[in-house]
Protein backbone atom coordinates (compact mmCIF):
# COMPACT_ATOMS: atom_id res chain seq x y z
CA UNK A 1 23.49 -263.77 81.47
CA UNK A 2 25.08 -262.29 84.62
CA UNK A 3 25.78 -258.61 85.26
CA UNK A 4 29.49 -258.98 84.57
CA UNK A 5 28.84 -260.41 81.13
CA UNK A 6 26.30 -257.68 80.35
CA UNK A 7 28.75 -255.01 81.47
CA UNK A 8 31.43 -256.51 79.25
CA UNK A 9 29.09 -256.35 76.23
CA UNK A 10 28.16 -252.74 76.99
CA UNK A 11 31.84 -251.78 77.22
CA UNK A 12 32.61 -253.47 73.93
CA UNK A 13 29.72 -251.68 72.24
CA UNK A 14 30.80 -248.32 73.74
CA UNK A 15 34.31 -248.74 72.35
CA UNK A 16 32.98 -249.33 68.84
CA UNK A 17 30.20 -246.79 68.31
CA UNK A 18 29.88 -243.15 69.30
CA UNK A 19 26.25 -243.33 70.38
CA UNK A 20 26.99 -246.28 72.68
CA UNK A 21 29.96 -244.35 74.03
CA UNK A 22 27.69 -241.38 74.75
CA UNK A 23 25.21 -243.58 76.62
CA UNK A 24 27.93 -245.34 78.60
CA UNK A 25 29.73 -242.18 79.74
CA UNK A 26 26.47 -240.29 80.34
CA UNK A 27 23.77 -242.68 81.59
CA UNK A 28 21.06 -239.98 81.45
CA UNK A 29 21.82 -239.22 77.79
CA UNK A 30 18.50 -238.82 75.93
CA UNK A 31 18.48 -239.91 72.30
CA UNK A 32 15.83 -238.53 69.99
CA UNK A 33 15.38 -240.26 66.60
CA UNK A 34 17.34 -237.58 64.75
CA UNK A 35 20.13 -237.73 67.36
CA UNK A 36 20.60 -241.41 66.55
CA UNK A 37 21.14 -240.50 62.88
CA UNK A 38 23.35 -237.53 63.78
CA UNK A 39 25.58 -239.69 66.00
CA UNK A 40 25.77 -242.44 63.41
CA UNK A 41 27.07 -239.93 60.86
CA UNK A 42 29.59 -238.60 63.38
CA UNK A 43 30.58 -242.19 64.14
CA UNK A 44 31.43 -242.80 60.49
CA UNK A 45 33.53 -239.65 60.58
CA UNK A 46 35.29 -240.88 63.76
CA UNK A 47 36.23 -244.14 62.04
CA UNK A 48 37.60 -242.32 59.00
CA UNK A 49 34.80 -243.39 56.61
CA UNK A 50 33.98 -239.75 55.86
CA UNK A 51 36.86 -237.38 55.25
CA UNK A 52 35.11 -234.03 54.83
CA UNK A 53 31.77 -233.51 56.54
CA UNK A 54 29.34 -230.56 56.73
CA UNK A 55 26.40 -230.73 59.11
CA UNK A 56 23.77 -227.98 59.09
CA UNK A 57 21.58 -227.95 62.17
CA UNK A 58 19.18 -225.47 63.80
CA UNK A 59 20.12 -223.65 67.01
CA UNK A 60 19.69 -225.46 70.35
CA UNK A 61 19.39 -228.95 68.88
CA UNK A 62 22.49 -230.52 70.47
CA UNK A 63 24.97 -230.17 67.62
CA UNK A 64 27.92 -229.10 69.82
CA UNK A 65 27.28 -231.82 72.38
CA UNK A 66 27.90 -234.38 69.67
CA UNK A 67 30.54 -232.76 67.47
CA UNK A 68 32.70 -230.80 69.93
CA UNK A 69 32.41 -232.71 73.21
CA UNK A 70 31.67 -236.40 72.78
CA UNK A 71 33.22 -236.86 69.32
CA UNK A 72 36.75 -235.58 70.21
CA UNK A 73 36.80 -237.63 73.43
CA UNK A 74 35.72 -240.74 71.50
CA UNK A 75 38.31 -240.24 68.74
CA UNK A 76 41.13 -239.79 71.27
CA UNK A 77 39.99 -243.00 72.93
CA UNK A 78 40.13 -244.85 69.62
CA UNK A 79 43.51 -243.34 68.74
CA UNK A 80 45.37 -241.29 71.37
CA UNK A 81 47.91 -240.25 68.73
CA UNK A 82 45.38 -238.12 66.83
CA UNK A 83 45.93 -234.34 66.81
CA UNK A 84 42.54 -232.59 66.93
CA UNK A 85 41.75 -228.90 66.63
CA UNK A 86 38.39 -227.31 67.53
CA UNK A 87 37.70 -223.78 66.27
CA UNK A 88 34.80 -221.52 67.17
CA UNK A 89 33.86 -217.84 66.90
CA UNK A 90 35.53 -217.01 70.23
CA UNK A 91 38.37 -218.54 72.22
CA UNK A 92 36.18 -218.59 75.36
CA UNK A 93 33.66 -220.86 73.64
CA UNK A 94 36.43 -223.10 72.26
CA UNK A 95 37.94 -223.39 75.75
CA UNK A 96 34.59 -224.51 77.11
CA UNK A 97 34.70 -227.39 74.63
CA UNK A 98 38.23 -228.23 75.81
CA UNK A 99 37.19 -228.31 79.46
CA UNK A 100 34.16 -230.47 78.70
CA UNK A 101 36.33 -232.99 76.82
CA UNK A 102 38.69 -233.06 79.80
CA UNK A 103 35.79 -233.82 82.13
CA UNK A 104 34.74 -236.76 79.96
CA UNK A 105 38.29 -238.20 79.80
CA UNK A 106 38.63 -237.87 83.56
CA UNK A 107 35.51 -239.94 84.30
CA UNK A 108 35.73 -243.45 85.69
CA UNK A 109 33.56 -244.77 82.85
CA UNK A 110 35.94 -243.34 80.23
CA UNK A 111 38.97 -244.95 81.90
CA UNK A 112 37.11 -248.26 81.85
CA UNK A 113 36.68 -247.96 78.09
CA UNK A 114 40.01 -246.43 77.10
CA UNK A 115 42.63 -247.00 79.80
CA UNK A 116 45.46 -245.97 77.47
CA UNK A 117 44.05 -242.48 76.94
CA UNK A 118 44.52 -240.20 79.93
CA UNK A 119 45.68 -236.70 80.85
CA UNK A 120 48.30 -235.19 83.07
CA UNK A 121 46.83 -234.85 86.53
CA UNK A 122 48.09 -231.31 87.08
CA UNK A 123 47.36 -228.05 85.32
CA UNK A 124 50.55 -227.81 83.30
CA UNK A 125 51.19 -224.76 81.15
CA UNK A 126 54.74 -224.72 79.75
CA UNK A 127 56.93 -227.09 81.74
CA UNK A 128 59.41 -229.02 79.61
CA UNK A 129 59.16 -232.78 79.26
CA UNK A 130 55.60 -232.84 80.53
CA UNK A 131 52.25 -233.27 78.90
CA UNK A 132 50.30 -230.06 78.60
CA UNK A 133 46.91 -229.70 80.19
CA UNK A 134 45.29 -226.30 80.22
CA UNK A 135 42.29 -224.51 78.70
CA UNK A 136 43.94 -224.18 75.28
CA UNK A 137 45.56 -227.57 74.77
CA UNK A 138 45.60 -231.04 76.28
CA UNK A 139 48.10 -233.76 75.38
CA UNK A 140 47.60 -237.49 75.80
CA UNK A 141 50.13 -238.91 78.26
CA UNK A 142 52.49 -241.35 76.57
CA UNK A 143 51.16 -240.55 73.10
CA UNK A 144 51.46 -237.98 70.32
CA UNK A 145 47.80 -237.01 70.37
CA UNK A 146 46.34 -233.72 71.56
CA UNK A 147 43.30 -231.51 71.53
CA UNK A 148 43.90 -227.87 70.74
CA UNK A 149 41.19 -225.19 70.70
CA UNK A 150 41.26 -221.79 69.07
CA UNK A 151 38.94 -218.85 68.52
CA UNK A 152 38.29 -217.47 65.05
CA UNK A 153 41.36 -215.47 64.06
CA UNK A 154 43.64 -217.36 66.45
CA UNK A 155 46.97 -218.86 65.42
CA UNK A 156 47.90 -222.49 64.72
CA UNK A 157 51.47 -221.77 63.68
CA UNK A 158 53.66 -224.88 63.29
CA UNK A 159 50.84 -227.13 64.52
CA UNK A 160 49.88 -230.22 62.56
CA UNK A 161 46.17 -231.06 62.56
CA UNK A 162 44.80 -234.53 61.83
CA UNK A 163 41.18 -233.59 62.49
CA UNK A 164 39.73 -230.10 62.25
CA UNK A 165 36.34 -229.36 63.82
CA UNK A 166 34.77 -225.94 63.22
CA UNK A 167 31.73 -225.36 65.40
CA UNK A 168 29.80 -222.08 64.99
CA UNK A 169 32.37 -219.74 63.46
CA UNK A 170 29.84 -216.87 63.70
CA UNK A 171 28.53 -215.64 67.04
CA UNK A 172 25.09 -214.53 65.94
CA UNK A 173 22.92 -213.17 63.15
CA UNK A 174 24.74 -209.83 63.19
CA UNK A 175 28.12 -211.47 62.59
CA UNK A 176 26.73 -213.78 59.94
CA UNK A 177 25.36 -210.77 58.07
CA UNK A 178 28.52 -208.70 58.36
CA UNK A 179 30.57 -208.86 55.13
CA UNK A 180 33.65 -207.87 57.13
CA UNK A 181 33.23 -210.76 59.57
CA UNK A 182 32.43 -213.23 56.78
CA UNK A 183 35.56 -212.21 54.88
CA UNK A 184 37.66 -212.43 58.04
CA UNK A 185 36.31 -215.92 58.82
CA UNK A 186 37.09 -217.09 55.28
CA UNK A 187 40.63 -215.70 55.39
CA UNK A 188 41.23 -217.38 58.73
CA UNK A 189 39.91 -220.69 57.43
CA UNK A 190 41.97 -220.64 54.21
CA UNK A 191 45.22 -219.17 55.60
CA UNK A 192 45.30 -220.71 59.08
CA UNK A 193 43.10 -223.80 59.42
CA UNK A 194 43.57 -225.31 55.96
CA UNK A 195 47.34 -224.76 56.01
CA UNK A 196 47.68 -227.02 59.09
CA UNK A 197 46.10 -230.02 57.34
CA UNK A 198 47.87 -232.86 55.52
CA UNK A 199 46.77 -235.38 52.87
CA UNK A 200 45.04 -237.67 55.37
CA UNK A 201 43.48 -234.96 57.54
CA UNK A 202 39.74 -234.86 58.15
CA UNK A 203 37.46 -231.82 58.39
CA UNK A 204 34.13 -231.37 60.15
CA UNK A 205 32.15 -228.14 59.83
CA UNK A 206 28.99 -227.96 61.90
CA UNK A 207 26.94 -224.83 62.46
CA UNK A 208 23.72 -222.97 61.97
CA UNK A 209 23.49 -221.24 58.59
CA UNK A 210 23.40 -217.44 58.68
CA UNK A 211 23.97 -216.28 55.14
CA UNK A 212 24.48 -217.69 51.64
CA UNK A 213 28.01 -216.22 51.73
CA UNK A 214 29.00 -217.80 55.06
CA UNK A 215 31.82 -220.34 55.33
CA UNK A 216 29.75 -223.18 53.86
CA UNK A 217 28.50 -220.89 51.09
CA UNK A 218 32.08 -219.85 50.28
CA UNK A 219 33.17 -223.49 50.05
CA UNK A 220 30.35 -224.15 47.58
CA UNK A 221 31.25 -221.11 45.50
CA UNK A 222 34.96 -222.00 45.53
CA UNK A 223 34.27 -224.96 43.27
CA UNK A 224 34.83 -227.71 45.84
CA UNK A 225 32.37 -230.56 45.39
CA UNK A 226 29.60 -230.67 48.02
CA UNK A 227 27.33 -233.75 48.00
CA UNK A 228 23.95 -233.57 49.75
CA UNK A 229 23.18 -237.05 51.08
CA UNK A 230 19.76 -238.49 51.89
CA UNK A 231 20.46 -242.22 52.31
CA UNK A 232 23.20 -244.35 53.83
CA UNK A 233 24.18 -245.58 50.39
CA UNK A 234 24.99 -241.97 49.42
CA UNK A 235 27.86 -242.18 51.90
CA UNK A 236 29.49 -245.06 50.10
CA UNK A 237 32.40 -244.51 47.71
CA UNK A 238 32.54 -240.71 48.21
CA UNK A 239 35.65 -239.29 46.59
CA UNK A 240 38.23 -238.00 49.07
CA UNK A 241 38.12 -234.39 47.91
CA UNK A 242 34.33 -234.10 48.14
CA UNK A 243 32.37 -232.73 51.07
CA UNK A 244 29.50 -234.77 52.46
CA UNK A 245 26.64 -232.54 53.66
CA UNK A 246 23.63 -233.38 55.82
CA UNK A 247 21.02 -230.70 56.50
CA UNK A 248 18.73 -231.24 59.49
CA UNK A 249 15.69 -229.00 58.94
CA UNK A 250 13.81 -227.80 62.01
CA UNK A 251 10.56 -228.42 60.11
CA UNK A 252 10.63 -231.18 57.54
CA UNK A 253 10.04 -230.27 53.90
CA UNK A 254 9.74 -232.81 51.14
CA UNK A 255 9.14 -236.51 51.43
CA UNK A 256 10.70 -238.84 54.01
CA UNK A 257 14.21 -240.10 53.33
CA UNK A 258 16.40 -242.74 54.94
CA UNK A 259 18.39 -240.10 56.85
CA UNK A 260 15.31 -238.02 57.67
CA UNK A 261 12.22 -240.27 57.82
CA UNK A 262 9.92 -237.52 59.14
CA UNK A 263 6.68 -236.60 57.40
CA UNK A 264 6.40 -233.08 55.88
CA UNK A 265 5.85 -230.48 58.59
CA UNK A 266 7.17 -232.58 61.49
CA UNK A 267 9.54 -230.91 63.93
CA UNK A 268 13.08 -232.20 64.32
CA UNK A 269 12.88 -232.31 68.14
CA UNK A 270 9.20 -232.03 69.03
CA UNK A 271 9.61 -232.43 72.79
CA UNK A 272 12.09 -229.53 72.97
CA UNK A 273 11.16 -227.36 69.98
CA UNK A 274 7.58 -228.09 68.98
CA UNK A 275 6.06 -227.50 65.59
CA UNK A 276 3.83 -224.83 67.15
CA UNK A 277 6.83 -222.99 68.60
CA UNK A 278 8.75 -223.20 65.33
CA UNK A 279 5.81 -221.96 63.26
CA UNK A 280 5.54 -218.95 65.60
CA UNK A 281 9.25 -218.33 65.10
CA UNK A 282 8.80 -218.53 61.34
CA UNK A 283 5.99 -215.96 61.46
CA UNK A 284 8.29 -213.39 63.12
CA UNK A 285 10.77 -213.45 60.24
CA UNK A 286 10.25 -216.06 57.48
CA UNK A 287 13.52 -215.30 55.71
CA UNK A 288 15.60 -215.51 58.87
CA UNK A 289 13.83 -218.75 59.77
CA UNK A 290 14.80 -220.27 56.43
CA UNK A 291 18.45 -219.51 57.15
CA UNK A 292 18.75 -220.44 60.81
CA UNK A 293 16.23 -223.23 61.16
CA UNK A 294 15.93 -224.72 57.68
CA UNK A 295 19.52 -224.37 56.50
CA UNK A 296 18.32 -222.59 53.39
CA UNK A 297 20.08 -219.21 53.10
CA UNK A 298 19.30 -219.06 49.38
CA UNK A 299 15.90 -217.67 50.35
CA UNK A 300 17.68 -214.57 51.56
CA UNK A 301 17.78 -213.31 48.00
CA UNK A 302 14.20 -212.08 48.31
CA UNK A 303 12.79 -208.85 49.65
CA UNK A 304 13.98 -207.73 53.06
CA UNK A 305 10.66 -206.48 54.44
CA UNK A 306 7.19 -207.91 54.60
CA UNK A 307 4.28 -205.44 54.19
CA UNK A 308 4.41 -202.79 56.90
CA UNK A 309 1.55 -202.13 59.30
CA UNK A 310 -0.20 -198.80 58.78
CA UNK A 311 -1.90 -196.49 61.25
CA UNK A 312 -5.11 -194.48 61.01
CA UNK A 313 -5.90 -193.84 64.66
CA UNK A 314 -2.71 -193.42 66.65
CA UNK A 315 -4.46 -194.31 69.90
CA UNK A 316 -4.77 -197.89 68.66
CA UNK A 317 -1.06 -198.25 69.42
CA UNK A 318 -1.37 -197.22 73.05
CA UNK A 319 -0.10 -194.18 74.90
CA UNK A 320 1.82 -191.31 73.30
CA UNK A 321 5.37 -190.88 74.67
CA UNK A 322 7.48 -188.53 72.52
CA UNK A 323 7.99 -187.07 69.04
CA UNK A 324 11.26 -187.38 67.16
CA UNK A 325 12.97 -187.22 63.79
CA UNK A 326 15.87 -189.02 62.16
CA UNK A 327 18.07 -187.69 59.35
CA UNK A 328 20.43 -189.77 57.24
CA UNK A 329 22.44 -187.09 55.46
CA UNK A 330 23.63 -187.63 51.89
CA UNK A 331 27.37 -188.26 52.09
CA UNK A 332 28.66 -187.74 48.59
CA UNK A 333 28.07 -188.48 44.92
CA UNK A 334 24.57 -189.79 44.17
CA UNK A 335 23.73 -190.58 47.81
CA UNK A 336 20.23 -189.68 48.95
CA UNK A 337 19.16 -187.70 51.98
CA UNK A 338 16.41 -189.39 53.94
CA UNK A 339 14.54 -187.80 56.83
CA UNK A 340 11.53 -189.05 58.76
CA UNK A 341 9.43 -187.71 61.61
CA UNK A 342 7.60 -190.03 63.98
CA UNK A 343 5.74 -190.35 67.25
CA UNK A 344 6.60 -193.03 69.81
CA UNK A 345 3.72 -194.90 71.43
CA UNK A 346 3.77 -197.63 74.04
CA UNK A 347 1.26 -200.47 74.11
CA UNK A 348 -1.00 -201.27 77.01
CA UNK A 349 0.13 -204.92 77.03
CA UNK A 350 3.58 -206.24 77.96
CA UNK A 351 6.05 -208.40 76.05
CA UNK A 352 9.50 -209.87 76.69
CA UNK A 353 12.38 -207.69 75.41
CA UNK A 354 15.25 -209.92 74.28
CA UNK A 355 17.79 -207.09 74.63
CA UNK A 356 16.86 -205.89 78.11
CA UNK A 357 15.69 -209.37 79.25
CA UNK A 358 12.55 -208.13 80.99
CA UNK A 359 8.85 -207.72 80.40
CA UNK A 360 8.11 -204.29 78.92
CA UNK A 361 5.43 -202.46 76.92
CA UNK A 362 5.82 -202.75 73.17
CA UNK A 363 7.11 -199.53 71.62
CA UNK A 364 5.98 -198.38 68.18
CA UNK A 365 7.32 -195.60 65.98
CA UNK A 366 4.42 -194.17 63.98
CA UNK A 367 5.87 -192.43 60.94
CA UNK A 368 4.20 -189.04 60.37
CA UNK A 369 6.24 -187.56 57.50
CA UNK A 370 9.16 -188.48 55.23
CA UNK A 371 11.45 -186.93 52.65
CA UNK A 372 13.90 -188.66 50.31
CA UNK A 373 15.83 -186.51 47.87
CA UNK A 374 19.07 -186.02 45.97
CA UNK A 375 18.71 -182.22 46.07
CA UNK A 376 21.73 -180.28 47.29
CA UNK A 377 22.03 -178.87 50.79
CA UNK A 378 20.86 -175.41 49.71
CA UNK A 379 17.43 -176.98 49.24
CA UNK A 380 17.35 -179.63 51.99
CA UNK A 381 18.52 -177.27 54.74
CA UNK A 382 15.23 -175.46 54.10
CA UNK A 383 12.80 -178.33 53.39
CA UNK A 384 13.91 -180.68 56.16
CA UNK A 385 13.70 -178.13 59.04
CA UNK A 386 10.29 -177.07 57.70
CA UNK A 387 9.07 -180.68 57.83
CA UNK A 388 10.43 -181.12 61.36
CA UNK A 389 8.81 -177.89 62.60
CA UNK A 390 5.36 -178.61 61.17
CA UNK A 391 5.34 -182.05 62.80
CA UNK A 392 6.10 -180.71 66.26
CA UNK A 393 9.33 -182.68 66.67
CA UNK A 394 11.07 -182.51 70.05
CA UNK A 395 14.39 -184.20 69.25
CA UNK A 396 16.25 -184.80 65.99
CA UNK A 397 18.84 -187.54 65.54
CA UNK A 398 21.39 -186.60 62.87
CA UNK A 399 23.96 -189.08 61.57
CA UNK A 400 27.21 -187.09 61.74
CA UNK A 401 29.29 -189.37 59.51
CA UNK A 402 31.07 -187.49 56.74
CA UNK A 403 29.00 -184.36 56.01
CA UNK A 404 26.42 -184.97 58.75
CA UNK A 405 28.10 -182.85 61.41
CA UNK A 406 28.26 -179.79 59.18
CA UNK A 407 24.67 -180.31 58.08
CA UNK A 408 23.48 -180.43 61.68
CA UNK A 409 25.18 -177.13 62.47
CA UNK A 410 23.30 -175.44 59.62
CA UNK A 411 19.81 -176.76 60.41
CA UNK A 412 19.84 -176.53 64.21
CA UNK A 413 19.17 -172.76 64.12
CA UNK A 414 16.16 -173.26 61.85
CA UNK A 415 14.27 -175.65 64.15
CA UNK A 416 12.54 -175.46 67.50
CA UNK A 417 13.61 -179.05 68.22
CA UNK A 418 16.83 -180.08 69.90
CA UNK A 419 19.35 -181.85 67.68
CA UNK A 420 21.60 -184.73 68.63
CA UNK A 421 24.37 -185.51 66.15
CA UNK A 422 25.97 -188.93 66.53
CA UNK A 423 28.50 -191.11 64.74
CA UNK A 424 27.11 -194.30 63.24
CA UNK A 425 29.94 -196.81 63.62
CA UNK A 426 28.20 -200.16 63.04
CA UNK A 427 28.39 -202.04 59.75
CA UNK A 428 25.44 -200.83 57.71
CA UNK A 429 24.57 -204.12 56.01
CA UNK A 430 24.70 -206.07 59.25
CA UNK A 431 22.60 -203.48 61.11
CA UNK A 432 19.89 -203.29 58.47
CA UNK A 433 19.52 -207.04 57.94
CA UNK A 434 19.82 -208.02 61.59
CA UNK A 435 17.18 -205.52 62.74
CA UNK A 436 14.86 -205.94 59.74
CA UNK A 437 12.27 -208.09 61.53
CA UNK A 438 11.91 -205.63 64.43
CA UNK A 439 11.79 -202.65 62.06
CA UNK A 440 9.03 -204.45 60.16
CA UNK A 441 7.12 -205.10 63.37
CA UNK A 442 7.56 -201.89 65.38
CA UNK A 443 7.75 -199.13 62.78
CA UNK A 444 4.29 -198.26 61.46
CA UNK A 445 3.65 -196.32 58.25
CA UNK A 446 0.80 -193.86 57.73
CA UNK A 447 -2.22 -195.29 55.93
CA UNK A 448 -1.98 -194.66 52.20
CA UNK A 449 1.78 -194.10 52.26
CA UNK A 450 2.11 -195.85 48.91
CA UNK A 451 0.25 -192.87 47.34
CA UNK A 452 1.68 -190.13 49.55
CA UNK A 453 5.31 -191.24 49.21
CA UNK A 454 5.40 -193.43 46.07
CA UNK A 455 9.19 -193.35 45.57
CA UNK A 456 9.91 -194.12 49.21
CA UNK A 457 7.29 -196.86 49.20
CA UNK A 458 8.79 -198.46 46.09
CA UNK A 459 12.30 -198.23 47.54
CA UNK A 460 11.54 -199.78 50.93
CA UNK A 461 9.12 -202.50 49.81
CA UNK A 462 11.42 -203.48 46.94
CA UNK A 463 14.64 -203.54 48.98
CA UNK A 464 16.42 -206.87 48.49
CA UNK A 465 18.11 -208.94 51.15
CA UNK A 466 20.95 -209.46 48.69
CA UNK A 467 22.51 -206.17 49.72
CA UNK A 468 24.72 -205.60 46.70
CA UNK A 469 21.67 -205.69 44.43
CA UNK A 470 20.36 -202.41 45.88
CA UNK A 471 21.54 -199.08 44.51
CA UNK A 472 20.74 -197.10 47.68
CA UNK A 473 20.09 -198.04 51.29
CA UNK A 474 19.39 -194.64 52.89
CA UNK A 475 15.70 -195.14 53.86
CA UNK A 476 16.43 -198.60 55.24
CA UNK A 477 19.42 -197.27 57.18
CA UNK A 478 17.26 -194.52 58.69
CA UNK A 479 14.41 -196.87 59.68
CA UNK A 480 17.01 -199.10 61.33
CA UNK A 481 18.41 -196.05 63.11
CA UNK A 482 14.94 -195.10 64.44
CA UNK A 483 14.54 -198.59 65.84
CA UNK A 484 18.01 -198.53 67.45
CA UNK A 485 17.67 -195.05 68.98
CA UNK A 486 14.04 -195.09 70.06
CA UNK A 487 12.85 -198.67 70.53
CA UNK A 488 15.60 -201.26 71.03
CA UNK A 489 16.58 -200.24 74.56
CA UNK A 490 12.97 -200.24 75.78
CA UNK A 491 13.09 -196.59 76.97
CA UNK A 492 9.43 -195.71 77.65
CA UNK A 493 9.76 -192.17 79.08
CA UNK A 494 9.44 -188.80 77.33
CA UNK A 495 12.61 -186.99 76.36
CA UNK A 496 14.31 -184.97 79.09
CA UNK A 497 13.29 -181.37 79.84
CA UNK A 498 15.93 -180.07 77.46
CA UNK A 499 14.01 -181.69 74.58
CA UNK A 500 10.55 -180.31 75.41
CA UNK A 501 10.59 -177.02 73.60
CA UNK A 502 7.76 -177.96 71.27
CA UNK A 503 4.17 -178.88 71.94
CA UNK A 504 2.86 -182.00 70.24
CA UNK A 505 0.44 -181.33 67.44
CA UNK A 506 -2.92 -183.08 67.90
């Protein structure tokens, strides 16, 4: 068989199947075993065999490359009259998808496959009687088809959508754990995206799971039928209104299936994300790992914290840096006041700080004293300053929300330490859950704290990840605040001279 005949066969194959299209338009395209399955599922969606598809996939495993770059270009090649919309958590990310699709359509290899699908050669924004081509929308020349991209919350007014693709509607763990963001994403999906669809429209939702109440969780709870498939036969004769769901676990659990033939414990993409690397990731935060990497947010119903480390000899945690305190003032009603004193130590070894993006010593907050009470301010404005003074505190952080500012004014005259009132503006649930792993790792309790502070111990160790199941969150909020103020930014110096009015107690 000559080269011309071989090339003709390759072109024919690339016009029919998505994975062949990917190989033809990107000769260096590497296909792992799970990618072959992933692209086959997307191919069935492209040919209209699946109407509503949910794909759960771990971070950095190539989900967007398939769903939001190659898939739209392939569909527009098959049918340049299709109107496609891609939505993501931000318009900038969605525009990146648009530009990448444009690059594919502009390639010589694409024109060889689909000569009837092409774009306006210029960057057209609003000119009449022309085909649009910009970062928000592209229109197929000579056809009705288009690709429109939008960030979460963006408008699709008067736009008809044949195929909706939602790729990562949450930016990160903090957004996924914010009830405000989750509600906003759901409202946008139901009042904007869904209202642009018609009877024959298709939907694809592909993202990393963050929470059991995320978009996929809401769809489940709404009563819509969601079918988990494990074999190719499961994809046959699926009713139109039902969602087909495939969950690609980072580490395989259960026995091999037709769609996931791995043995238990095998990594999804060993050459890129090895089992060893994934197990280390799991050890940092098992609950978070179940959400992000295993697609199992139901595990988030358990306890938020693992057992805390405890200290006996402070020197084991490195070099002493500074002594502080944090007060979460009772706002109103049956709220609790929580106050803690601590000493900051820095380790002798270095580690990579994800926030500052540099190698730094590890900082630890060694808790030295705590108080949790529902007593009124007449009592706590005496007991809390006394605790702070006897622990040699240099600086006191006081949440000034609601009654906090007034409380700080009363206690500042009773302490040798400097006070720093501040307004806590972040969403409490999101802050506590997002920072829980680092709080668990870098805040160290005094040995025997379960006997010394039994109520606080019971509260913190029994705190549930299902936020609404907890009556109070004051200790957890304060521990999170200590991490944010003293550790997260990697600041390894003592407080300034203005905060050195007290000698550290040995």
